[in-house]
Amino acid sequence: MIEVRLREEVLDYLRKLPPEPRHTLRLAIKDLAHERGDIRALTDNLEGFCRLRVGSYRVIFEYEMIGGMLTATCVFAGARRWVYEAFQSRLME
């Protein structure tokens, strides 16, 4: 089992969503502990990160070894139409 961590930015995004998509995203993020879901490695400028597809939403995360345990740290979340560009510009800062 993998430990799943969420950065504050992801938690803030989830809090602002309507109840139904918030619930669906939270369940999908919990399933990351078992590496379940539509998970793909990102390429090009976002290499090293993965994405979890949940309907029209995406959660960007990275695998890390923390304290000898494999951890999936969710670093960014948003609607598919803008999440990749917004995350990439955040990395450039």
PDB file of N, CA and C in Angstrom:
ATOM      1  N   MET A   1       0.845  -1.191   0.000  1.00  0.00           N
ATOM      2  CA  MET A   1       0.000   0.000   0.000  1.00  0.00           C
ATOM      3  C   MET A   1       0.885   1.248   0.000  1.00  0.00           C
ATOM      4  N   ILE A   2       0.434   2.238  -0.698  1.00  0.00           N
ATOM      5  CA  ILE A   2       1.159   3.499  -0.841  1.00  0.00           C
ATOM      6  C   ILE A   2       0.493   4.549   0.049  1.00  0.00           C
ATOM      7  N   GLU A   3       1.307   5.341   0.702  1.00  0.00           N
ATOM      8  CA  GLU A   3       0.753   6.462   1.474  1.00  0.00           C
ATOM      9  C   GLU A   3       0.398   7.576   0.491  1.00  0.00           C
ATOM     10  N   VAL A   4      -0.743   8.204   0.700  1.00  0.00           N
ATOM     11  CA  VAL A   4      -1.181   9.302  -0.167  1.00  0.00           C
ATOM     12  C   VAL A   4      -1.205  10.579   0.665  1.00  0.00           C
ATOM     13  N   ARG A   5      -0.540  11.612   0.144  1.00  0.00           N
ATOM     14  CA  ARG A   5      -0.522  12.919   0.806  1.00  0.00           C
ATOM     15  C   ARG A   5      -1.087  13.957  -0.153  1.00  0.00           C
ATOM     16  N   LEU A   6      -1.737  14.950   0.404  1.00  0.00           N
ATOM     17  CA  LEU A   6      -2.296  16.040  -0.394  1.00  0.00           C
ATOM     18  C   LEU A   6      -1.698  17.350   0.071  1.00  0.00           C
ATOM     19  N   ARG A   7      -1.216  18.108  -0.860  1.00  0.00           N
ATOM     20  CA  ARG A   7      -0.735  19.451  -0.522  1.00  0.00           C
ATOM     21  C   ARG A   7      -1.937  20.350  -0.259  1.00  0.00           C
ATOM     22  N   GLU A   8      -1.686  21.404   0.473  1.00  0.00           N
ATOM     23  CA  GLU A   8      -2.755  22.325   0.870  1.00  0.00           C
ATOM     24  C   GLU A   8      -3.508  22.881  -0.345  1.00  0.00           C
ATOM     25  N   GLU A   9      -2.807  23.107  -1.430  1.00  0.00           N
ATOM     26  CA  GLU A   9      -3.429  23.641  -2.638  1.00  0.00           C
ATOM     27  C   GLU A   9      -4.495  22.679  -3.184  1.00  0.00           C
ATOM     28  N   VAL A  10      -4.232  21.387  -3.122  1.00  0.00           N
ATOM     29  CA  VAL A  10      -5.198  20.387  -3.576  1.00  0.00           C
ATOM     30  C   VAL A  10      -6.397  20.363  -2.623  1.00  0.00           C
ATOM     31  N   LEU A  11      -6.139  20.410  -1.333  1.00  0.00           N
ATOM     32  CA  LEU A  11      -7.238  20.452  -0.359  1.00  0.00           C
ATOM     33  C   LEU A  11      -8.120  21.681  -0.563  1.00  0.00           C
ATOM     34  N   ASP A  12      -7.505  22.827  -0.817  1.00  0.00           N
ATOM     35  CA  ASP A  12      -8.271  24.053  -1.067  1.00  0.00           C
ATOM     36  C   ASP A  12      -9.146  23.899  -2.302  1.00  0.00           C
ATOM     37  N   TYR A  13      -8.602  23.304  -3.349  1.00  0.00           N
ATOM     38  CA  TYR A  13      -9.369  23.098  -4.577  1.00  0.00           C
ATOM     39  C   TYR A  13     -10.567  22.190  -4.305  1.00  0.00           C
ATOM     40  N   LEU A  14     -10.339  21.101  -3.582  1.00  0.00           N
ATOM     41  CA  LEU A  14     -11.424  20.167  -3.279  1.00  0.00           C
ATOM     42  C   LEU A  14     -12.525  20.837  -2.466  1.00  0.00           C
ATOM     43  N   ARG A  15     -12.151  21.671  -1.519  1.00  0.00           N
ATOM     44  CA  ARG A  15     -13.137  22.354  -0.671  1.00  0.00           C
ATOM     45  C   ARG A  15     -14.058  23.276  -1.473  1.00  0.00           C
ATOM     46  N   LYS A  16     -13.571  23.790  -2.591  1.00  0.00           N
ATOM     47  CA  LYS A  16     -14.345  24.745  -3.387  1.00  0.00           C
ATOM     48  C   LYS A  16     -15.286  24.063  -4.387  1.00  0.00           C
ATOM     49  N   LEU A  17     -15.156  22.751  -4.549  1.00  0.00           N
ATOM     50  CA  LEU A  17     -15.990  22.038  -5.509  1.00  0.00           C
ATOM     51  C   LEU A  17     -17.376  21.755  -4.942  1.00  0.00           C
ATOM     52  N   PRO A  18     -18.356  21.583  -5.832  1.00  0.00           N
ATOM     53  CA  PRO A  18     -19.676  21.133  -5.382  1.00  0.00           C
ATOM     54  C   PRO A  18     -19.564  19.732  -4.765  1.00  0.00           C
ATOM     55  N   PRO A  19     -20.533  19.330  -3.941  1.00  0.00           N
ATOM     56  CA  PRO A  19     -20.426  18.062  -3.212  1.00  0.00           C
ATOM     57  C   PRO A  19     -20.177  16.819  -4.064  1.00  0.00           C
ATOM     58  N   GLU A  20     -20.872  16.665  -5.179  1.00  0.00           N
ATOM     59  CA  GLU A  20     -20.730  15.434  -5.963  1.00  0.00           C
ATOM     60  C   GLU A  20     -19.330  15.246  -6.557  1.00  0.00           C
ATOM     61  N   PRO A  21     -18.792  16.239  -7.288  1.00  0.00           N
ATOM     62  CA  PRO A  21     -17.432  16.029  -7.799  1.00  0.00           C
ATOM     63  C   PRO A  21     -16.383  15.955  -6.686  1.00  0.00           C
ATOM     64  N   ARG A  22     -16.595  16.674  -5.594  1.00  0.00           N
ATOM     65  CA  ARG A  22     -15.660  16.611  -4.466  1.00  0.00           C
ATOM     66  C   ARG A  22     -15.606  15.189  -3.907  1.00  0.00           C
ATOM     67  N   HIS A  23     -16.760  14.583  -3.732  1.00  0.00           N
ATOM     68  CA  HIS A  23     -16.830  13.216  -3.215  1.00  0.00           C
ATOM     69  C   HIS A  23     -16.159  12.231  -4.184  1.00  0.00           C
ATOM     70  N   THR A  24     -16.433  12.362  -5.461  1.00  0.00           N
ATOM     71  CA  THR A  24     -15.853  11.478  -6.473  1.00  0.00           C
ATOM     72  C   THR A  24     -14.334  11.610  -6.504  1.00  0.00           C
ATOM     73  N   LEU A  25     -13.830  12.837  -6.447  1.00  0.00           N
ATOM     74  CA  LEU A  25     -12.377  13.052  -6.450  1.00  0.00           C
ATOM     75  C   LEU A  25     -11.735  12.485  -5.191  1.00  0.00           C
ATOM     76  N   ARG A  26     -12.357  12.684  -4.053  1.00  0.00           N
ATOM     77  CA  ARG A  26     -11.789  12.152  -2.803  1.00  0.00           C
ATOM     78  C   ARG A  26     -11.703  10.631  -2.829  1.00  0.00           C
ATOM     79  N   LEU A  27     -12.732   9.974  -3.353  1.00  0.00           N
ATOM     80  CA  LEU A  27     -12.688   8.515  -3.461  1.00  0.00           C
ATOM     81  C   LEU A  27     -11.571   8.066  -4.403  1.00  0.00           C
ATOM     82  N   ALA A  28     -11.425   8.759  -5.519  1.00  0.00           N
ATOM     83  CA  ALA A  28     -10.384   8.408  -6.485  1.00  0.00           C
ATOM     84  C   ALA A  28      -8.994   8.621  -5.885  1.00  0.00           C
ATOM     85  N   ILE A  29      -8.818   9.682  -5.119  1.00  0.00           N
ATOM     86  CA  ILE A  29      -7.528   9.948  -4.479  1.00  0.00           C
ATOM     87  C   ILE A  29      -7.226   8.869  -3.438  1.00  0.00           C
ATOM     88  N   LYS A  30      -8.246   8.427  -2.697  1.00  0.00           N
ATOM     89  CA  LYS A  30      -8.037   7.335  -1.730  1.00  0.00           C
ATOM     90  C   LYS A  30      -7.603   6.055  -2.430  1.00  0.00           C
ATOM     91  N   ASP A  31      -8.132   5.821  -3.642  1.00  0.00           N
ATOM     92  CA  ASP A  31      -7.766   4.623  -4.402  1.00  0.00           C
ATOM     93  C   ASP A  31      -6.313   4.654  -4.867  1.00  0.00           C
ATOM     94  N   LEU A  32      -5.693   5.825  -4.865  1.00  0.00           N
ATOM     95  CA  LEU A  32      -4.269   5.903  -5.213  1.00  0.00           C
ATOM     96  C   LEU A  32      -3.417   5.054  -4.274  1.00  0.00           C
ATOM     97  N   ALA A  33      -3.875   4.859  -3.057  1.00  0.00           N
ATOM     98  CA  ALA A  33      -3.133   4.048  -2.093  1.00  0.00           C
ATOM     99  C   ALA A  33      -2.954   2.620  -2.599  1.00  0.00           C
ATOM    100  N   HIS A  34      -3.869   2.182  -3.468  1.00  0.00           N
ATOM    101  CA  HIS A  34      -3.802   0.843  -4.043  1.00  0.00           C
ATOM    102  C   HIS A  34      -3.442   0.900  -5.528  1.00  0.00           C
ATOM    103  N   GLU A  35      -3.008   2.073  -5.984  1.00  0.00           N
ATOM    104  CA  GLU A  35      -2.661   2.332  -7.380  1.00  0.00           C
ATOM    105  C   GLU A  35      -3.799   1.949  -8.328  1.00  0.00           C
ATOM    106  N   ARG A  36      -5.027   2.296  -7.919  1.00  0.00           N
ATOM    107  CA  ARG A  36      -6.195   2.081  -8.756  1.00  0.00           C
ATOM    108  C   ARG A  36      -6.627   3.401  -9.364  1.00  0.00           C
ATOM    109  N   GLY A  37      -7.192   3.322 -10.544  1.00  0.00           N
ATOM    110  CA  GLY A  37      -7.686   4.505 -11.225  1.00  0.00           C
ATOM    111  C   GLY A  37      -6.992   4.677 -12.557  1.00  0.00           C
ATOM    112  N   ASP A  38      -7.411   5.691 -13.272  1.00  0.00           N
ATOM    113  CA  ASP A  38      -6.832   5.997 -14.582  1.00  0.00           C
ATOM    114  C   ASP A  38      -5.577   6.836 -14.356  1.00  0.00           C
ATOM    115  N   ILE A  39      -4.455   6.165 -14.191  1.00  0.00           N
ATOM    116  CA  ILE A  39      -3.179   6.803 -13.859  1.00  0.00           C
ATOM    117  C   ILE A  39      -2.257   6.714 -15.064  1.00  0.00           C
ATOM    118  N   ARG A  40      -1.630   7.820 -15.401  1.00  0.00           N
ATOM    119  CA  ARG A  40      -0.655   7.834 -16.490  1.00  0.00           C
ATOM    120  C   ARG A  40       0.513   8.725 -16.118  1.00  0.00           C
ATOM    121  N   ALA A  41       1.692   8.330 -16.562  1.00  0.00           N
ATOM    122  CA  ALA A  41       2.879   9.169 -16.377  1.00  0.00           C
ATOM    123  C   ALA A  41       2.816  10.320 -17.376  1.00  0.00           C
ATOM    124  N   LEU A  42       3.187  11.511 -16.933  1.00  0.00           N
ATOM    125  CA  LEU A  42       3.217  12.670 -17.819  1.00  0.00           C
ATOM    126  C   LEU A  42       4.564  12.735 -18.531  1.00  0.00           C
ATOM    127  N   THR A  43       4.602  13.444 -19.637  1.00  0.00           N
ATOM    128  CA  THR A  43       5.810  13.515 -20.455  1.00  0.00           C
ATOM    129  C   THR A  43       6.231  14.962 -20.664  1.00  0.00           C
ATOM    130  N   ASP A  44       7.297  15.108 -21.422  1.00  0.00           N
ATOM    131  CA  ASP A  44       7.841  16.413 -21.803  1.00  0.00           C
ATOM    132  C   ASP A  44       8.183  17.250 -20.570  1.00  0.00           C
ATOM    133  N   ASN A  45       7.652  18.460 -20.469  1.00  0.00           N
ATOM    134  CA  ASN A  45       8.001  19.367 -19.371  1.00  0.00           C
ATOM    135  C   ASN A  45       7.480  18.900 -18.015  1.00  0.00           C
ATOM    136  N   LEU A  46       6.538  17.961 -18.011  1.00  0.00           N
ATOM    137  CA  LEU A  46       5.966  17.474 -16.757  1.00  0.00           C
ATOM    138  C   LEU A  46       6.447  16.064 -16.424  1.00  0.00           C
ATOM    139  N   GLU A  47       7.533  15.659 -17.040  1.00  0.00           N
ATOM    140  CA  GLU A  47       8.087  14.339 -16.767  1.00  0.00           C
ATOM    141  C   GLU A  47       8.441  14.223 -15.286  1.00  0.00           C
ATOM    142  N   GLY A  48       8.176  13.053 -14.721  1.00  0.00           N
ATOM    143  CA  GLY A  48       8.400  12.841 -13.294  1.00  0.00           C
ATOM    144  C   GLY A  48       7.114  12.940 -12.492  1.00  0.00           C
ATOM    145  N   PHE A  49       6.078  13.473 -13.119  1.00  0.00           N
ATOM    146  CA  PHE A  49       4.763  13.568 -12.485  1.00  0.00           C
ATOM    147  C   PHE A  49       3.813  12.601 -13.172  1.00  0.00           C
ATOM    148  N   CYS A  50       2.748  12.260 -12.484  1.00  0.00           N
ATOM    149  CA  CYS A  50       1.695  11.415 -13.034  1.00  0.00           C
ATOM    150  C   CYS A  50       0.377  12.157 -12.895  1.00  0.00           C
ATOM    151  N   ARG A  51      -0.601  11.670 -13.631  1.00  0.00           N
ATOM    152  CA  ARG A  51      -1.929  12.265 -13.495  1.00  0.00           C
ATOM    153  C   ARG A  51      -2.941  11.177 -13.215  1.00  0.00           C
ATOM    154  N   LEU A  52      -3.932  11.537 -12.432  1.00  0.00           N
ATOM    155  CA  LEU A  52      -5.070  10.689 -12.156  1.00  0.00           C
ATOM    156  C   LEU A  52      -6.267  11.343 -12.824  1.00  0.00           C
ATOM    157  N   ARG A  53      -6.899  10.618 -13.751  1.00  0.00           N
ATOM    158  CA  ARG A  53      -8.065  11.163 -14.451  1.00  0.00           C
ATOM    159  C   ARG A  53      -9.313  10.740 -13.706  1.00  0.00           C
ATOM    160  N   VAL A  54     -10.141  11.728 -13.373  1.00  0.00           N
ATOM    161  CA  VAL A  54     -11.415  11.481 -12.694  1.00  0.00           C
ATOM    162  C   VAL A  54     -12.460  12.302 -13.436  1.00  0.00           C
ATOM    163  N   GLY A  55     -13.092  11.712 -14.438  1.00  0.00           N
ATOM    164  CA  GLY A  55     -14.051  12.442 -15.268  1.00  0.00           C
ATOM    165  C   GLY A  55     -13.354  13.598 -15.970  1.00  0.00           C
ATOM    166  N   SER A  56     -13.866  14.797 -15.783  1.00  0.00           N
ATOM    167  CA  SER A  56     -13.268  15.972 -16.431  1.00  0.00           C
ATOM    168  C   SER A  56     -12.233  16.651 -15.535  1.00  0.00           C
ATOM    169  N   TYR A  57     -11.876  16.004 -14.435  1.00  0.00           N
ATOM    170  CA  TYR A  57     -10.887  16.550 -13.501  1.00  0.00           C
ATOM    171  C   TYR A  57      -9.594  15.746 -13.578  1.00  0.00           C
ATOM    172  N   ARG A  58      -8.494  16.408 -13.226  1.00  0.00           N
ATOM    173  CA  ARG A  58      -7.204  15.744 -13.173  1.00  0.00           C
ATOM    174  C   ARG A  58      -6.528  16.094 -11.855  1.00  0.00           C
ATOM    175  N   VAL A  59      -5.849  15.095 -11.289  1.00  0.00           N
ATOM    176  CA  VAL A  59      -5.034  15.294 -10.092  1.00  0.00           C
ATOM    177  C   VAL A  59      -3.607  14.953 -10.504  1.00  0.00           C
ATOM    178  N   ILE A  60      -2.698  15.901 -10.343  1.00  0.00           N
ATOM    179  CA  ILE A  60      -1.296  15.674 -10.677  1.00  0.00           C
ATOM    180  C   ILE A  60      -0.572  15.300  -9.392  1.00  0.00           C
ATOM    181  N   PHE A  61       0.193  14.217  -9.472  1.00  0.00           N
ATOM    182  CA  PHE A  61       0.906  13.757  -8.290  1.00  0.00           C
ATOM    183  C   PHE A  61       2.276  13.231  -8.684  1.00  0.00           C
ATOM    184  N   GLU A  62       3.107  13.032  -7.666  1.00  0.00           N
ATOM    185  CA  GLU A  62       4.421  12.451  -7.899  1.00  0.00           C
ATOM    186  C   GLU A  62       4.679  11.387  -6.853  1.00  0.00           C
ATOM    187  N   TYR A  63       5.414  10.367  -7.279  1.00  0.00           N
ATOM    188  CA  TYR A  63       5.825   9.322  -6.346  1.00  0.00           C
ATOM    189  C   TYR A  63       7.114   9.765  -5.680  1.00  0.00           C
ATOM    190  N   GLU A  64       7.194   9.557  -4.360  1.00  0.00           N
ATOM    191  CA  GLU A  64       8.386   9.913  -3.594  1.00  0.00           C
ATOM    192  C   GLU A  64       8.634   8.816  -2.564  1.00  0.00           C
ATOM    193  N   MET A  65       9.886   8.684  -2.168  1.00  0.00           N
ATOM    194  CA  MET A  65      10.218   7.817  -1.039  1.00  0.00           C
ATOM    195  C   MET A  65      10.362   8.730   0.180  1.00  0.00           C
ATOM    196  N   ILE A  66       9.486   8.567   1.156  1.00  0.00           N
ATOM    197  CA  ILE A  66       9.526   9.371   2.372  1.00  0.00           C
ATOM    198  C   ILE A  66       9.594   8.413   3.548  1.00  0.00           C
ATOM    199  N   GLY A  67      10.683   8.489   4.286  1.00  0.00           N
ATOM    200  CA  GLY A  67      10.865   7.609   5.435  1.00  0.00           C
ATOM    201  C   GLY A  67      10.863   6.140   5.050  1.00  0.00           C
ATOM    202  N   GLY A  68      11.397   5.823   3.883  1.00  0.00           N
ATOM    203  CA  GLY A  68      11.453   4.444   3.425  1.00  0.00           C
ATOM    204  C   GLY A  68      10.133   3.906   2.905  1.00  0.00           C
ATOM    205  N   MET A  69       9.135   4.766   2.784  1.00  0.00           N
ATOM    206  CA  MET A  69       7.820   4.336   2.303  1.00  0.00           C
ATOM    207  C   MET A  69       7.478   5.067   1.007  1.00  0.00           C
ATOM    208  N   LEU A  70       6.978   4.324   0.032  1.00  0.00           N
ATOM    209  CA  LEU A  70       6.554   4.935  -1.221  1.00  0.00           C
ATOM    210  C   LEU A  70       5.315   5.781  -0.964  1.00  0.00           C
ATOM    211  N   THR A  71       5.370   7.029  -1.412  1.00  0.00           N
ATOM    212  CA  THR A  71       4.295   7.983  -1.170  1.00  0.00           C
ATOM    213  C   THR A  71       3.871   8.627  -2.483  1.00  0.00           C
ATOM    214  N   ALA A  72       2.569   8.790  -2.666  1.00  0.00           N
ATOM    215  CA  ALA A  72       2.022   9.543  -3.796  1.00  0.00           C
ATOM    216  C   ALA A  72       1.589  10.894  -3.234  1.00  0.00           C
ATOM    217  N   THR A  73       2.306  11.941  -3.620  1.00  0.00           N
ATOM    218  CA  THR A  73       1.989  13.283  -3.137  1.00  0.00           C
ATOM    219  C   THR A  73       1.217  14.034  -4.207  1.00  0.00           C
ATOM    220  N   CYS A  74      -0.036  14.347  -3.922  1.00  0.00           N
ATOM    221  CA  CYS A  74      -0.889  15.087  -4.851  1.00  0.00           C
ATOM    222  C   CYS A  74      -0.505  16.559  -4.765  1.00  0.00           C
ATOM    223  N   VAL A  75      -0.037  17.106  -5.871  1.00  0.00           N
ATOM    224  CA  VAL A  75       0.508  18.456  -5.850  1.00  0.00           C
ATOM    225  C   VAL A  75      -0.388  19.493  -6.526  1.00  0.00           C
ATOM    226  N   PHE A  76      -1.322  19.051  -7.381  1.00  0.00           N
ATOM    227  CA  PHE A  76      -2.143  20.012  -8.110  1.00  0.00           C
ATOM    228  C   PHE A  76      -3.397  19.302  -8.596  1.00  0.00           C
ATOM    229  N   ALA A  77      -4.503  20.011  -8.664  1.00  0.00           N
ATOM    230  CA  ALA A  77      -5.752  19.437  -9.164  1.00  0.00           C
ATOM    231  C   ALA A  77      -6.539  20.515  -9.880  1.00  0.00           C
ATOM    232  N   GLY A  78      -7.320  20.093 -10.855  1.00  0.00           N
ATOM    233  CA  GLY A  78      -8.143  21.053 -11.566  1.00  0.00           C
ATOM    234  C   GLY A  78      -8.886  20.416 -12.720  1.00  0.00           C
ATOM    235  N   ALA A  79      -9.628  21.253 -13.423  1.00  0.00           N
ATOM    236  CA  ALA A  79     -10.372  20.806 -14.596  1.00  0.00           C
ATOM    237  C   ALA A  79      -9.396  20.514 -15.730  1.00  0.00           C
ATOM    238  N   ARG A  80      -9.684  19.506 -16.508  1.00  0.00           N
ATOM    239  CA  ARG A  80      -8.790  19.082 -17.568  1.00  0.00           C
ATOM    240  C   ARG A  80      -8.425  20.216 -18.526  1.00  0.00           C
ATOM    241  N   ARG A  81      -9.346  21.081 -18.813  1.00  0.00           N
ATOM    242  CA  ARG A  81      -9.127  22.107 -19.839  1.00  0.00           C
ATOM    243  C   ARG A  81      -7.989  23.076 -19.493  1.00  0.00           C
ATOM    244  N   TRP A  82      -7.625  23.196 -18.210  1.00  0.00           N
ATOM    245  CA  TRP A  82      -6.573  24.157 -17.864  1.00  0.00           C
ATOM    246  C   TRP A  82      -5.524  23.631 -16.900  1.00  0.00           C
ATOM    247  N   VAL A  83      -5.699  22.448 -16.348  1.00  0.00           N
ATOM    248  CA  VAL A  83      -4.840  21.992 -15.255  1.00  0.00           C
ATOM    249  C   VAL A  83      -3.367  21.861 -15.668  1.00  0.00           C
ATOM    250  N   TYR A  84      -3.097  21.356 -16.860  1.00  0.00           N
ATOM    251  CA  TYR A  84      -1.702  21.133 -17.265  1.00  0.00           C
ATOM    252  C   TYR A  84      -0.954  22.447 -17.481  1.00  0.00           C
ATOM    253  N   GLU A  85      -1.612  23.391 -18.153  1.00  0.00           N
ATOM    254  CA  GLU A  85      -0.974  24.690 -18.389  1.00  0.00           C
ATOM    255  C   GLU A  85      -0.740  25.435 -17.084  1.00  0.00           C
ATOM    256  N   ALA A  86      -1.735  25.401 -16.193  1.00  0.00           N
ATOM    257  CA  ALA A  86      -1.602  26.097 -14.912  1.00  0.00           C
ATOM    258  C   ALA A  86      -0.496  25.466 -14.068  1.00  0.00           C
ATOM    259  N   PHE A  87      -0.412  24.149 -14.050  1.00  0.00           N
ATOM    260  CA  PHE A  87       0.613  23.484 -13.268  1.00  0.00           C
ATOM    261  C   PHE A  87       1.993  23.749 -13.848  1.00  0.00           C
ATOM    262  N   GLN A  88       2.104  23.712 -15.153  1.00  0.00           N
ATOM    263  CA  GLN A  88       3.403  23.977 -15.788  1.00  0.00           C
ATOM    264  C   GLN A  88       3.863  25.403 -15.512  1.00  0.00           C
ATOM    265  N   SER A  89       2.962  26.368 -15.562  1.00  0.00           N
ATOM    266  CA  SER A  89       3.360  27.755 -15.268  1.00  0.00           C
ATOM    267  C   SER A  89       3.741  27.891 -13.799  1.00  0.00           C
ATOM    268  N   ARG A  90       3.114  27.132 -12.920  1.00  0.00           N
ATOM    269  CA  ARG A  90       3.462  27.157 -11.505  1.00  0.00           C
ATOM    270  C   ARG A  90       4.859  26.595 -11.305  1.00  0.00           C
ATOM    271  N   LEU A  91       5.242  25.582 -12.070  1.00  0.00           N
ATOM    272  CA  LEU A  91       6.581  25.001 -11.964  1.00  0.00           C
ATOM    273  C   LEU A  91       7.654  25.984 -12.443  1.00  0.00           C
ATOM    274  N   MET A  92       7.294  26.826 -13.403  1.00  0.00           N
ATOM    275  CA  MET A  92       8.246  27.793 -13.968  1.00  0.00           C
ATOM    276  C   MET A  92       8.577  28.922 -12.987  1.00  0.00           C
ATOM    277  N   GLU A  93       7.681  29.152 -12.023  1.00  0.00           N
ATOM    278  CA  GLU A  93       7.874  30.269 -11.079  1.00  0.00           C
ATOM    279  C   GLU A  93       9.066  30.048 -10.180  1.00  0.00           C
TER     280      GLU A  93
END
